[in-house]
């Protein structure tokens, strides 16, 4: 056994077979207007 890994299979790997990921944002940051409304709602208590 040698200390260097066998990279033969990695070199043969075809990256064109990989699928492109579909990114979806789940948690959007609130807009300035929403933050302003929240602050005003909090002040009324």
N, C-alpha and C. Protein backbone atom coordinates (compact mmCIF):
# COMPACT_ATOMS: atom_id res chain seq x y z
N UNK A 1 0.84 -1.19 0.00
CA UNK A 1 0.00 0.00 0.00
C UNK A 1 0.88 1.24 0.00
N UNK A 2 0.44 2.21 -0.74
CA UNK A 2 1.18 3.46 -0.76
C UNK A 2 0.44 4.50 0.05
N UNK A 3 1.13 5.59 0.37
CA UNK A 3 0.52 6.65 1.15
C UNK A 3 -0.37 7.56 0.32
N UNK A 4 -0.22 7.52 -1.01
CA UNK A 4 -1.02 8.39 -1.86
C UNK A 4 -2.29 7.67 -2.29
N UNK A 5 -3.43 8.36 -2.27
CA UNK A 5 -4.69 7.71 -2.67
C UNK A 5 -4.75 7.48 -4.17
N UNK A 6 -5.53 6.49 -4.58
CA UNK A 6 -5.71 6.18 -5.99
C UNK A 6 -6.74 7.15 -6.57
N UNK A 7 -6.32 8.04 -7.46
CA UNK A 7 -7.22 9.04 -8.03
C UNK A 7 -7.68 8.66 -9.43
N UNK A 8 -7.43 7.45 -9.85
CA UNK A 8 -7.81 7.01 -11.19
C UNK A 8 -9.31 7.09 -11.44
N UNK A 9 -10.10 6.64 -10.47
CA UNK A 9 -11.55 6.68 -10.62
C UNK A 9 -12.07 8.12 -10.62
N UNK A 10 -11.46 8.97 -9.85
CA UNK A 10 -11.87 10.38 -9.79
C UNK A 10 -11.62 11.06 -11.14
N UNK A 11 -10.51 10.74 -11.75
CA UNK A 11 -10.18 11.35 -13.03
C UNK A 11 -11.14 10.89 -14.13
N UNK A 12 -11.69 9.68 -14.01
CA UNK A 12 -12.62 9.15 -15.01
C UNK A 12 -14.05 9.64 -14.80
N UNK A 13 -14.35 10.23 -13.65
CA UNK A 13 -15.72 10.62 -13.30
C UNK A 13 -16.23 11.68 -14.27
N UNK A 14 -17.44 11.47 -14.78
CA UNK A 14 -18.05 12.38 -15.74
C UNK A 14 -18.98 13.33 -14.99
N UNK A 15 -18.61 14.59 -14.86
CA UNK A 15 -19.42 15.55 -14.11
C UNK A 15 -20.67 15.99 -14.86
N UNK A 16 -20.74 15.72 -16.15
CA UNK A 16 -21.93 16.13 -16.91
C UNK A 16 -23.15 15.29 -16.54
N UNK A 17 -22.94 14.16 -15.84
CA UNK A 17 -24.06 13.32 -15.41
C UNK A 17 -24.73 13.86 -14.15
N UNK A 18 -24.09 14.80 -13.48
CA UNK A 18 -24.65 15.35 -12.25
C UNK A 18 -25.82 16.27 -12.56
N UNK A 19 -26.81 16.26 -11.69
CA UNK A 19 -27.97 17.14 -11.84
C UNK A 19 -27.66 18.49 -11.20
N UNK A 20 -28.22 19.54 -11.77
CA UNK A 20 -28.09 20.86 -11.17
C UNK A 20 -29.09 20.97 -10.03
N UNK A 21 -28.67 21.47 -8.87
CA UNK A 21 -29.61 21.58 -7.75
C UNK A 21 -30.57 22.75 -7.95
N UNK A 22 -31.78 22.58 -7.44
CA UNK A 22 -32.77 23.65 -7.48
C UNK A 22 -32.78 24.29 -6.11
N UNK A 23 -32.33 25.53 -6.03
CA UNK A 23 -32.25 26.23 -4.76
C UNK A 23 -33.54 26.97 -4.49
N UNK A 24 -34.07 26.80 -3.30
CA UNK A 24 -35.28 27.51 -2.89
C UNK A 24 -35.01 28.18 -1.55
N UNK A 25 -35.30 29.47 -1.48
CA UNK A 25 -35.13 30.17 -0.22
C UNK A 25 -36.34 29.91 0.65
N UNK A 26 -36.10 29.53 1.89
CA UNK A 26 -37.18 29.19 2.78
C UNK A 26 -37.49 30.32 3.76
N UNK A 27 -36.47 30.91 4.34
CA UNK A 27 -36.68 31.94 5.35
C UNK A 27 -36.18 33.28 4.81
N UNK A 28 -37.12 34.08 4.33
CA UNK A 28 -36.75 35.39 3.83
C UNK A 28 -36.71 36.38 4.98
N UNK A 29 -35.80 37.34 4.90
CA UNK A 29 -35.72 38.36 5.92
C UNK A 29 -36.88 39.34 5.75
N UNK A 30 -37.38 39.89 6.84
CA UNK A 30 -38.49 40.84 6.72
C UNK A 30 -38.02 42.15 6.08
N UNK A 31 -38.92 42.80 5.38
CA UNK A 31 -38.60 44.07 4.76
C UNK A 31 -38.58 45.17 5.82
N UNK A 32 -38.07 46.34 5.46
CA UNK A 32 -38.03 47.46 6.39
C UNK A 32 -39.43 47.84 6.84
N UNK A 33 -40.39 47.76 5.92
CA UNK A 33 -41.77 48.11 6.25
C UNK A 33 -42.34 47.16 7.31
N UNK A 34 -42.05 45.89 7.17
CA UNK A 34 -42.57 44.92 8.13
C UNK A 34 -41.94 45.13 9.51
N UNK A 35 -40.65 45.46 9.55
CA UNK A 35 -39.98 45.71 10.83
C UNK A 35 -40.59 46.94 11.48
N UNK A 36 -40.85 47.95 10.68
CA UNK A 36 -41.45 49.19 11.18
C UNK A 36 -42.84 48.91 11.76
N UNK A 37 -43.64 48.11 11.06
CA UNK A 37 -44.97 47.76 11.55
C UNK A 37 -44.91 46.97 12.85
N UNK A 38 -43.95 46.07 12.94
CA UNK A 38 -43.79 45.27 14.16
C UNK A 38 -43.43 46.16 15.35
N UNK A 39 -42.53 47.12 15.11
CA UNK A 39 -42.14 48.04 16.18
C UNK A 39 -43.33 48.86 16.64
N UNK A 40 -44.11 49.35 15.69
CA UNK A 40 -45.29 50.16 16.04
C UNK A 40 -46.32 49.32 16.79
N UNK A 41 -46.48 48.08 16.40
CA UNK A 41 -47.43 47.19 17.07
C UNK A 41 -46.96 46.91 18.49
N UNK A 42 -45.67 46.77 18.69
CA UNK A 42 -45.11 46.52 20.01
C UNK A 42 -45.24 47.71 20.94
N UNK A 43 -45.19 48.92 20.39
CA UNK A 43 -45.31 50.14 21.19
C UNK A 43 -46.73 50.36 21.68
N UNK A 44 -47.71 49.81 20.99
CA UNK A 44 -49.11 50.06 21.35
C UNK A 44 -49.57 49.25 22.55
N UNK A 45 -48.78 48.27 23.01
CA UNK A 45 -49.18 47.43 24.15
C UNK A 45 -48.99 48.17 25.44
